[in-house]
Protein backbone atom coordinates (compact mmCIF):
# COMPACT_ATOMS: atom_id res chain seq x y z
CA UNK A 1 5.85 -15.38 -2.20
CA UNK A 2 4.69 -14.34 1.29
CA UNK A 3 6.05 -11.16 2.89
CA UNK A 4 7.89 -13.25 5.51
CA UNK A 5 9.64 -15.39 2.89
CA UNK A 6 10.51 -12.29 0.89
CA UNK A 7 12.00 -10.64 3.98
CA UNK A 8 14.04 -13.74 4.83
CA UNK A 9 15.30 -14.03 1.27
CA UNK A 10 16.27 -10.36 1.09
CA UNK A 11 18.05 -10.61 4.47
CA UNK A 12 19.99 -13.67 3.30
CA UNK A 13 21.04 -12.00 0.05
CA UNK A 14 21.95 -8.82 1.91
CA UNK A 15 24.21 -10.72 4.34
CA UNK A 16 26.06 -12.36 1.45
CA UNK A 17 26.34 -9.08 -0.44
CA UNK A 18 27.61 -7.11 2.56
CA UNK A 19 30.22 -9.79 3.27
CA UNK A 20 31.46 -9.65 -0.33
CA UNK A 21 31.54 -5.84 -0.25
CA UNK A 22 33.48 -5.93 3.01
CA UNK A 23 36.06 -8.24 1.43
CA UNK A 24 36.35 -5.98 -1.62
CA UNK A 25 35.45 -8.95 -3.85
CA UNK A 26 33.79 -7.13 -6.76
CA UNK A 27 33.76 -10.29 -8.86
CA UNK A 28 31.77 -12.13 -6.20
CA UNK A 29 29.44 -9.13 -5.84
CA UNK A 30 28.81 -9.13 -9.58
CA UNK A 31 28.06 -12.84 -9.55
CA UNK A 32 25.77 -12.59 -6.54
CA UNK A 33 23.79 -9.62 -7.84
CA UNK A 34 23.31 -10.80 -11.40
CA UNK A 35 21.92 -14.17 -10.36
CA UNK A 36 18.91 -12.34 -8.93
CA UNK A 37 15.76 -10.94 -10.53
CA UNK A 38 15.24 -7.23 -11.06
CA UNK A 39 12.88 -7.05 -8.06
CA UNK A 40 15.40 -8.81 -5.80
CA UNK A 41 18.21 -6.51 -6.91
CA UNK A 42 15.92 -3.53 -6.26
CA UNK A 43 15.24 -4.70 -2.70
CA UNK A 44 18.97 -5.05 -2.06
CA UNK A 45 19.85 -1.64 -3.49
CA UNK A 46 17.23 -0.01 -1.26
CA UNK A 47 18.85 -1.79 1.70
CA UNK A 48 22.32 -0.33 1.06
CA UNK A 49 23.69 3.12 2.00
CA UNK A 50 24.26 5.41 -1.01
CA UNK A 51 28.01 4.78 -1.48
CA UNK A 52 27.68 0.99 -1.52
CA UNK A 53 24.46 1.22 -3.51
CA UNK A 54 26.11 3.05 -6.38
CA UNK A 55 29.09 0.69 -6.31
CA UNK A 56 26.78 -2.33 -6.64
CA UNK A 57 24.65 -0.57 -9.28
CA UNK A 58 27.72 -0.26 -11.51
CA UNK A 59 28.11 -4.05 -11.37
CA UNK A 60 24.53 -4.85 -12.47
CA UNK A 61 24.33 -6.22 -16.02
CA UNK A 62 22.94 -3.71 -18.51
CA UNK A 63 20.06 -5.96 -19.51
CA UNK A 64 18.89 -5.94 -15.87
CA UNK A 65 19.10 -2.17 -15.38
CA UNK A 66 15.64 -1.33 -16.70
CA UNK A 67 13.87 -3.92 -14.56
CA UNK A 68 15.75 -2.70 -11.48
CA UNK A 69 14.80 0.93 -12.10
CA UNK A 70 11.14 -0.06 -12.27
CA UNK A 71 11.32 -1.88 -8.92
CA UNK A 72 13.08 0.66 -6.67
CA UNK A 73 11.30 3.58 -5.01
CA UNK A 74 11.29 7.08 -6.47
CA UNK A 75 14.11 8.55 -4.41
CA UNK A 76 16.48 5.62 -4.92
CA UNK A 77 15.64 5.60 -8.65
CA UNK A 78 16.55 9.26 -8.93
CA UNK A 79 19.97 8.57 -7.44
CA UNK A 80 20.62 5.63 -9.75
CA UNK A 81 19.55 7.58 -12.83
CA UNK A 82 21.81 10.48 -11.86
CA UNK A 83 24.75 8.07 -11.63
CA UNK A 84 24.09 6.46 -15.04
CA UNK A 85 25.27 7.70 -18.43
CA UNK A 86 22.46 8.76 -20.83
CA UNK A 87 23.33 6.14 -23.46
CA UNK A 88 23.22 3.43 -20.79
CA UNK A 89 19.80 4.66 -19.66
CA UNK A 90 18.47 4.57 -23.21
CA UNK A 91 19.65 0.97 -23.55
CA UNK A 92 18.27 0.05 -20.12
CA UNK A 93 14.73 1.33 -20.57
CA UNK A 94 14.41 0.72 -24.30
CA UNK A 95 13.44 -2.92 -23.79
CA UNK A 96 10.89 -2.33 -21.04
CA UNK A 97 7.23 -3.19 -21.50
CA UNK A 98 5.07 -0.16 -22.29
CA UNK A 99 3.37 -0.15 -18.87
CA UNK A 100 6.71 -0.36 -17.02
CA UNK A 101 8.22 2.39 -19.18
CA UNK A 102 5.24 4.61 -18.43
CA UNK A 103 5.88 4.20 -14.69
CA UNK A 104 9.38 5.69 -14.82
CA UNK A 105 9.34 7.89 -17.92
CA UNK A 106 8.89 11.15 -15.99
CA UNK A 107 11.94 10.35 -13.86
CA UNK A 108 14.27 10.16 -16.87
CA UNK A 109 16.28 13.12 -18.19
CA UNK A 110 14.70 14.92 -21.15
CA UNK A 111 17.50 13.89 -23.50
CA UNK A 112 16.96 10.23 -22.61
CA UNK A 113 13.19 10.52 -23.06
CA UNK A 114 13.65 12.00 -26.53
CA UNK A 115 16.03 9.22 -27.58
CA UNK A 116 13.78 6.49 -26.20
CA UNK A 117 10.71 7.89 -27.98
CA UNK A 118 12.66 8.29 -31.21
CA UNK A 119 13.70 4.64 -31.09
CA UNK A 120 10.12 3.39 -30.66
CA UNK A 121 7.75 2.43 -33.44
CA UNK A 122 4.76 4.66 -34.08
CA UNK A 123 2.43 2.02 -32.66
CA UNK A 124 4.42 1.74 -29.42
CA UNK A 125 4.53 5.53 -29.02
CA UNK A 126 0.76 5.67 -29.40
CA UNK A 127 0.39 2.88 -26.85
CA UNK A 128 2.68 4.72 -24.43
CA UNK A 129 0.71 7.94 -24.85
CA UNK A 130 -2.47 6.00 -24.18
CA UNK A 131 -1.15 4.56 -20.89
CA UNK A 132 0.21 7.96 -19.80
CA UNK A 133 -3.19 9.57 -20.39
CA UNK A 134 -4.67 7.69 -17.41
CA UNK A 135 -3.95 8.20 -13.69
CA UNK A 136 -1.17 6.00 -12.35
CA UNK A 137 -3.48 4.41 -9.76
CA UNK A 138 -6.15 3.42 -12.31
CA UNK A 139 -6.61 0.38 -14.53
CA UNK A 140 -5.50 2.50 -17.49
CA UNK A 141 -2.26 3.34 -15.71
CA UNK A 142 -1.65 -0.31 -14.82
CA UNK A 143 -2.54 -1.94 -18.12
CA UNK A 144 -0.20 -3.30 -20.76
CA UNK A 145 -1.56 -2.33 -24.21
CA UNK A 146 0.35 -5.21 -25.80
CA UNK A 147 -2.40 -7.83 -26.27
CA UNK A 148 -3.02 -10.78 -28.58
CA UNK A 149 -6.43 -10.54 -30.24
CA UNK A 150 -8.33 -12.92 -32.49
CA UNK A 151 -11.71 -13.05 -34.27
CA UNK A 152 -14.57 -15.31 -33.27
CA UNK A 153 -15.21 -16.76 -36.75
CA UNK A 154 -11.83 -18.49 -37.20
CA UNK A 155 -10.90 -22.07 -36.28
CA UNK A 156 -8.48 -23.10 -33.54
CA UNK A 157 -6.12 -24.37 -36.23
CA UNK A 158 -5.95 -20.89 -37.73
CA UNK A 159 -5.25 -19.43 -34.27
CA UNK A 160 -2.42 -21.91 -33.66
CA UNK A 161 -0.82 -21.08 -37.00
CA UNK A 162 -1.19 -17.37 -36.19
CA UNK A 163 0.60 -17.79 -32.85
CA UNK A 164 3.44 -19.79 -34.43
CA UNK A 165 3.91 -17.11 -37.05
CA UNK A 166 3.81 -14.38 -34.39
CA UNK A 167 6.58 -16.06 -32.42
CA UNK A 168 7.08 -14.06 -29.22
CA UNK A 169 4.13 -13.88 -26.82
CA UNK A 170 3.50 -11.55 -23.86
CA UNK A 171 4.49 -12.67 -20.37
CA UNK A 172 1.84 -14.41 -18.23
CA UNK A 173 -0.01 -15.36 -21.40
CA UNK A 174 -3.02 -17.47 -20.41
CA UNK A 175 -5.76 -16.32 -22.80
CA UNK A 176 -6.43 -14.62 -26.11
CA UNK A 177 -8.93 -11.80 -26.36
CA UNK A 178 -11.71 -12.07 -28.92
CA UNK A 179 -12.69 -8.78 -30.56
CA UNK A 180 -14.95 -7.62 -33.38
CA UNK A 181 -13.76 -5.84 -36.51
CA UNK A 182 -14.13 -2.55 -34.59
CA UNK A 183 -11.99 -3.79 -31.67
CA UNK A 184 -14.96 -4.32 -29.36
CA UNK A 185 -14.28 -6.92 -26.69
CA UNK A 186 -16.41 -10.07 -27.11
CA UNK A 187 -14.78 -12.69 -24.92
CA UNK A 188 -11.70 -14.80 -24.16
CA UNK A 189 -10.24 -18.01 -25.49
CA UNK A 190 -8.33 -19.83 -22.76
CA UNK A 191 -4.95 -21.19 -23.80
CA UNK A 192 -5.89 -24.53 -22.25
CA UNK A 193 -8.98 -24.74 -24.50
CA UNK A 194 -6.93 -23.83 -27.55
CA UNK A 195 -4.49 -26.67 -26.89
CA UNK A 196 -6.93 -29.40 -25.86
CA UNK A 197 -9.88 -29.08 -28.27
CA UNK A 198 -10.38 -30.18 -31.86
CA UNK A 199 -8.44 -27.79 -34.16
CA UNK A 200 -11.45 -27.62 -36.48
CA UNK A 201 -13.63 -26.06 -33.76
CA UNK A 202 -14.24 -22.33 -34.03
CA UNK A 203 -13.32 -19.70 -31.49
CA UNK A 204 -16.99 -18.76 -31.14
CA UNK A 205 -17.77 -22.27 -29.86
CA UNK A 206 -15.22 -22.10 -27.02
CA UNK A 207 -14.84 -18.46 -26.06
CA UNK A 208 -16.29 -17.15 -22.83
CA UNK A 209 -16.42 -13.71 -21.23
CA UNK A 210 -13.89 -12.94 -18.52
CA UNK A 211 -15.59 -12.93 -15.06
CA UNK A 212 -13.98 -9.54 -14.38
CA UNK A 213 -13.83 -7.18 -17.34
CA UNK A 214 -11.91 -4.15 -16.05
CA UNK A 215 -13.14 -0.64 -16.99
CA UNK A 216 -10.16 1.58 -17.83
CA UNK A 217 -11.17 4.10 -15.15
CA UNK A 218 -11.39 1.55 -12.31
CA UNK A 219 -9.13 2.32 -9.35
CA UNK A 220 -6.08 0.15 -8.70
CA UNK A 221 -7.44 -1.06 -5.35
CA UNK A 222 -10.66 -2.24 -6.96
CA UNK A 223 -8.67 -3.98 -9.70
CA UNK A 224 -6.80 -5.92 -7.01
CA UNK A 225 -10.13 -6.86 -5.41
CA UNK A 226 -11.46 -8.16 -8.74
CA UNK A 227 -8.37 -10.32 -9.23
CA UNK A 228 -8.72 -11.68 -5.70
CA UNK A 229 -12.42 -12.46 -6.00
CA UNK A 230 -12.13 -14.20 -9.39
CA UNK A 231 -8.64 -15.80 -9.03
CA UNK A 232 -7.43 -14.14 -12.24
CA UNK A 233 -4.05 -14.35 -13.92
CA UNK A 234 -4.92 -11.66 -16.46
CA UNK A 235 -7.97 -9.59 -17.36
CA UNK A 236 -9.02 -7.36 -20.30
CA UNK A 237 -9.24 -3.60 -19.89
CA UNK A 238 -12.03 -1.88 -21.85
CA UNK A 239 -13.35 1.64 -22.38
CA UNK A 240 -16.95 2.89 -22.11
CA UNK A 241 -17.72 1.48 -25.59
CA UNK A 242 -16.24 -1.92 -24.58
CA UNK A 243 -13.29 -1.47 -26.95
CA UNK A 244 -10.32 -3.53 -25.83
CA UNK A 245 -7.49 -1.25 -24.68
CA UNK A 246 -5.08 -3.63 -22.98
CA UNK A 247 -4.73 -6.18 -20.23
CA UNK A 248 -3.69 -6.31 -16.57
CA UNK A 249 -1.73 -9.27 -15.23
CA UNK A 250 -1.33 -10.67 -11.73
CA UNK A 251 2.24 -9.35 -11.35
CA UNK A 252 0.88 -5.80 -11.69
CA UNK A 253 -1.75 -6.54 -9.06
CA UNK A 254 0.81 -7.97 -6.62
CA UNK A 255 2.72 -4.69 -6.91
CA UNK A 256 -0.47 -2.76 -6.14
CA UNK A 257 -1.17 -4.86 -3.05
CA UNK A 258 2.36 -4.48 -1.73
CA UNK A 259 2.44 -0.74 -2.41
CA UNK A 260 -0.86 -0.24 -0.60
CA UNK A 261 0.33 -2.27 2.38
CA UNK A 262 3.53 -0.21 2.62
CA UNK A 263 1.56 3.01 2.18
CA UNK A 264 -0.84 2.12 5.01
CA UNK A 265 1.94 1.25 7.45
CA UNK A 266 4.16 4.24 6.70
CA UNK A 267 1.35 6.78 6.41
CA UNK A 268 0.26 6.02 9.97
CA UNK A 269 3.66 7.40 11.03
CA UNK A 270 3.56 10.31 8.57
CA UNK A 271 6.22 8.73 6.33
CA UNK A 272 6.36 8.09 2.58
CA UNK A 273 7.08 4.71 0.98
CA UNK A 274 8.98 6.48 -1.81
CA UNK A 275 11.59 7.85 0.61
CA UNK A 276 15.10 6.42 0.73
CA UNK A 277 15.72 4.82 4.14
CA UNK A 278 19.35 5.94 3.83
CA UNK A 279 18.55 9.54 2.88
CA UNK A 280 20.82 12.20 4.48
CA UNK A 281 20.12 12.84 8.15
CA UNK A 282 19.06 16.47 7.70
CA UNK A 283 16.59 15.58 4.93
CA UNK A 284 15.12 12.67 6.88
CA UNK A 285 14.76 14.79 10.01
CA UNK A 286 13.05 17.62 8.12
CA UNK A 287 10.51 15.23 6.60
CA UNK A 288 9.43 14.16 10.06
CA UNK A 289 9.04 17.67 11.45
CA UNK A 290 5.44 18.14 10.36
CA UNK A 291 4.06 15.13 12.21
CA UNK A 292 6.30 15.66 15.21
CA UNK A 293 5.00 19.24 15.25
CA UNK A 294 1.37 18.12 14.99
CA UNK A 295 1.93 15.61 17.78
CA UNK A 296 3.57 18.31 19.92
CA UNK A 297 0.55 20.58 19.48
CA UNK A 298 -1.87 17.82 20.45
CA UNK A 299 0.30 16.84 23.42
CA UNK A 300 0.35 20.46 24.59
CA UNK A 301 -3.44 20.53 24.28
CA UNK A 302 -3.67 17.49 26.55
CA UNK A 303 -1.17 19.11 28.94
CA UNK A 304 -3.28 22.29 29.08
CA UNK A 305 -6.32 20.24 30.05
CA UNK A 306 -4.28 18.41 32.66
CA UNK A 307 -2.90 21.67 34.06
CA UNK A 308 -6.40 22.75 35.12
CA UNK A 309 -6.34 19.88 37.60
CA UNK A 310 -3.04 20.73 39.28
CA UNK A 311 -4.62 20.97 42.74
CA UNK A 312 -5.88 17.40 42.39
CA UNK A 313 -2.48 16.13 41.27
CA UNK A 314 -0.77 17.95 44.14
CA UNK A 315 -3.09 16.43 46.75
CA UNK A 316 -3.50 12.95 45.28
CA UNK A 317 -0.27 11.44 44.05
CA UNK A 318 -2.22 8.33 43.02
CA UNK A 319 -3.96 10.25 40.25
CA UNK A 320 -0.62 11.20 38.69
CA UNK A 321 0.44 7.56 38.81
CA UNK A 322 -2.80 6.14 37.42
CA UNK A 323 -4.00 8.57 34.73
CA UNK A 324 -1.52 7.26 32.07
CA UNK A 325 -3.29 3.90 32.42
CA UNK A 326 -6.60 5.49 31.50
CA UNK A 327 -5.19 7.29 28.45
CA UNK A 328 -3.30 4.20 27.29
CA UNK A 329 -6.36 1.94 27.49
CA UNK A 330 -8.50 4.44 25.58
CA UNK A 331 -5.81 4.88 22.96
CA UNK A 332 -5.49 1.15 22.33
CA UNK A 333 -9.26 0.66 22.12
CA UNK A 334 -9.56 3.55 19.69
CA UNK A 335 -6.65 2.34 17.57
CA UNK A 336 -8.25 -1.09 17.23
CA UNK A 337 -11.49 0.41 15.92
CA UNK A 338 -9.65 2.97 13.76
CA UNK A 339 -7.51 0.27 12.13
CA UNK A 340 -10.55 -1.90 11.48
CA UNK A 341 -12.42 1.01 9.89
CA UNK A 342 -9.50 2.09 7.69
CA UNK A 343 -9.00 -1.48 6.47
CA UNK A 344 -12.73 -1.89 5.84
CA UNK A 345 -12.87 1.33 3.84
CA UNK A 346 -9.80 0.35 1.81
CA UNK A 347 -11.28 -3.04 0.90
CA UNK A 348 -14.80 -1.72 0.30
CA UNK A 349 -16.25 -3.75 3.17
CA UNK A 350 -17.37 -0.62 5.02
CA UNK A 351 -19.62 1.77 3.10
CA UNK A 352 -22.68 3.97 3.50
CA UNK A 353 -25.02 0.98 3.62
CA UNK A 354 -23.49 -0.77 6.61
CA UNK A 355 -21.88 2.03 8.64
CA UNK A 356 -24.84 2.18 11.05
CA UNK A 357 -24.53 -1.55 11.77
CA UNK A 358 -20.78 -1.17 12.15
CA UNK A 359 -21.28 1.76 14.52
CA UNK A 360 -23.61 -0.21 16.79
CA UNK A 361 -21.30 -3.19 16.78
CA UNK A 362 -18.17 -1.18 17.70
CA UNK A 363 -20.05 0.77 20.37
CA UNK A 364 -21.22 -2.52 21.87
CA UNK A 365 -17.67 -3.89 21.80
CA UNK A 366 -16.43 -0.72 23.50
CA UNK A 367 -19.12 -1.01 26.17
CA UNK A 368 -18.41 -4.68 26.85
CA UNK A 369 -14.65 -4.14 27.00
CA UNK A 370 -15.20 -1.06 29.15
CA UNK A 371 -17.28 -3.01 31.66
CA UNK A 372 -14.79 -5.90 31.84
CA UNK A 373 -11.65 -3.80 32.18
CA UNK A 374 -13.22 -1.12 34.39
CA UNK A 375 -14.14 -3.83 36.90
CA UNK A 376 -10.69 -5.40 36.67
CA UNK A 377 -8.73 -2.13 37.00
CA UNK A 378 -11.08 -0.82 39.65
CA UNK A 379 -10.39 -3.87 41.80
CA UNK A 380 -6.63 -3.61 41.21
CA UNK A 381 -6.70 0.08 42.22
CA UNK A 382 -8.73 -0.67 45.34
CA UNK A 383 -6.33 -3.46 46.33
CA UNK A 384 -3.27 -1.33 45.53
CA UNK A 385 -4.27 1.82 47.41
CA UNK A 386 -6.94 0.48 49.77
CA UNK A 387 -9.25 3.30 48.62
CA UNK A 388 -12.73 2.30 47.48
CA UNK A 389 -13.60 5.71 46.02
CA UNK A 390 -10.37 5.84 44.00
CA UNK A 391 -11.14 2.38 42.64
CA UNK A 392 -14.59 3.57 41.58
CA UNK A 393 -13.12 6.66 39.91
CA UNK A 394 -10.62 4.52 38.03
CA UNK A 395 -13.33 2.08 36.90
CA UNK A 396 -15.61 4.88 35.71
CA UNK A 397 -12.79 6.62 33.85
CA UNK A 398 -11.76 3.41 32.07
CA UNK A 399 -15.36 2.75 31.02
CA UNK A 400 -15.77 6.31 29.69
CA UNK A 401 -12.46 6.33 27.80
CA UNK A 402 -12.92 2.90 26.21
CA UNK A 403 -16.32 4.01 24.96
CA UNK A 404 -14.82 7.30 23.75
CA UNK A 405 -12.00 5.42 22.03
CA UNK A 406 -14.44 3.17 20.19
CA UNK A 407 -16.61 6.13 19.22
CA UNK A 408 -13.65 8.21 18.02
CA UNK A 409 -12.08 5.26 16.21
CA UNK A 410 -15.29 4.86 14.23
CA UNK A 411 -16.19 8.50 13.57
CA UNK A 412 -12.75 9.92 12.74
CA UNK A 413 -12.13 7.90 9.53
CA UNK A 414 -15.75 8.45 8.41
CA UNK A 415 -15.44 12.23 8.82
CA UNK A 416 -11.97 12.39 7.26
CA UNK A 417 -13.15 10.40 4.25
CA UNK A 418 -16.00 12.88 3.74
CA UNK A 419 -13.46 15.70 3.88
CA UNK A 420 -11.35 13.86 1.25
CA UNK A 421 -8.48 13.36 3.72
CA UNK A 422 -6.69 10.01 3.93
CA UNK A 423 -7.79 8.50 7.29
CA UNK A 424 -4.50 6.60 7.55
CA UNK A 425 -2.60 9.89 7.38
CA UNK A 426 -4.39 11.95 10.02
CA UNK A 427 -6.57 9.49 11.93
CA UNK A 428 -3.97 8.37 14.46
CA UNK A 429 -2.99 11.88 15.56
CA UNK A 430 -6.59 13.00 16.02
CA UNK A 431 -7.49 9.81 17.86
CA UNK A 432 -4.60 10.23 20.30
CA UNK A 433 -5.72 13.76 21.11
CA UNK A 434 -9.32 12.72 21.68
CA UNK A 435 -8.53 9.78 23.95
CA UNK A 436 -5.91 11.73 25.90
CA UNK A 437 -8.18 14.69 26.55
CA UNK A 438 -11.24 12.61 27.40
CA UNK A 439 -9.13 10.31 29.57
CA UNK A 440 -7.80 13.27 31.56
CA UNK A 441 -11.24 14.85 31.90
CA UNK A 442 -12.84 11.57 32.95
CA UNK A 443 -10.25 10.40 35.45
CA UNK A 444 -8.79 13.56 36.97
CA UNK A 445 -12.15 15.34 36.71
CA UNK A 446 -13.94 12.58 38.62
CA UNK A 447 -11.11 12.43 41.12
CA UNK A 448 -11.44 16.16 41.72
CA UNK A 449 -15.20 15.96 42.15
CA UNK A 450 -15.47 12.80 44.27
CA UNK A 451 -12.24 12.67 46.24
CA UNK A 452 -11.53 16.32 46.97
CA UNK A 453 -14.92 17.95 46.78
CA UNK A 454 -16.26 15.19 49.01
């Protein structure tokens, strides 16, 4: 489902839910909410203020509770868990898949964790420990250790009888993994091949290796890229000895893609995707202090630079009117390059091998745009004020700042990445400072030199 369709669907459900809540029709609320999936209920709960959220949460069927807890963000989940009785939590999370349980286990009260672990089989506890031993944003943290494995020397008829005897199969089941006696991954048998070929054929005759075998240490972003490039529904996860550890399915990858998109958007504003949008005012305000403070410092830096040109501003009112145009144009040009670089780094399209080519390309774009818009704005300034020299100053300042914006937009994420700082987190603030300061120096400095000194 596209983001637009998801947004429209959530908005439609939210309208119906709010209307039912306003009417005090708890029966209608229960019916509305329990006809939805866990992910849809999670979206709605995140869209409600705390009082209404908890009221709706109490109406969610118990068998849905676990799926909902997996879907909501950390802060909302904490509130729901706090409002739920321990025995209800044990029942809610006890039926979750191992990988989903691993995602929320640390958020549960200690008493609930102990009861959940005590109710699990030894094999499931070992699988859970295995998933928890890997970073959350790695293939090991994403994988489901519940896999169906077969041997290469058996016939398809034997496999079919094995599956019938097994009964329940994992979700998004599209292939069986072929392993050796030691659990070493050898290949896959597609479900379509199993159902359409002669039952007397052997697995070895039909199996093929997955186009994207996922190392357990691979990062979540790279896993998503592998699924995209190879159009996968599921893929095996292996260790350094090629032992099969689990599998990753497309629903896990969709979650990764969405989380990364939300992270990129919110990080640019210094926000966290795990925050509750209806958190108390004081808490929300405090969280935003750091980036407001950083922005204030950079704005004061730009103001200090500008203050050195007070005589120019006092004598030429036009400079005070026009210099925001210079800073704005440089900021937009820099943001375009910065966004392109951050996206390229995130997708692996920009790396050490092609940064020089990317640098030359962005510098050329900045130069071309600078020439076009400097001519345009220079002419507008000349026509507006009837001052040829002011038009030339404006044109030169625009050219300089668009080039500076392109240069800063390229270099800032490269340098931040080398310093192990997320470019999406700090890039925008640094870029704004650079383009503001250079814009002031270029425009007001040239105005001082050419218009007053002359």
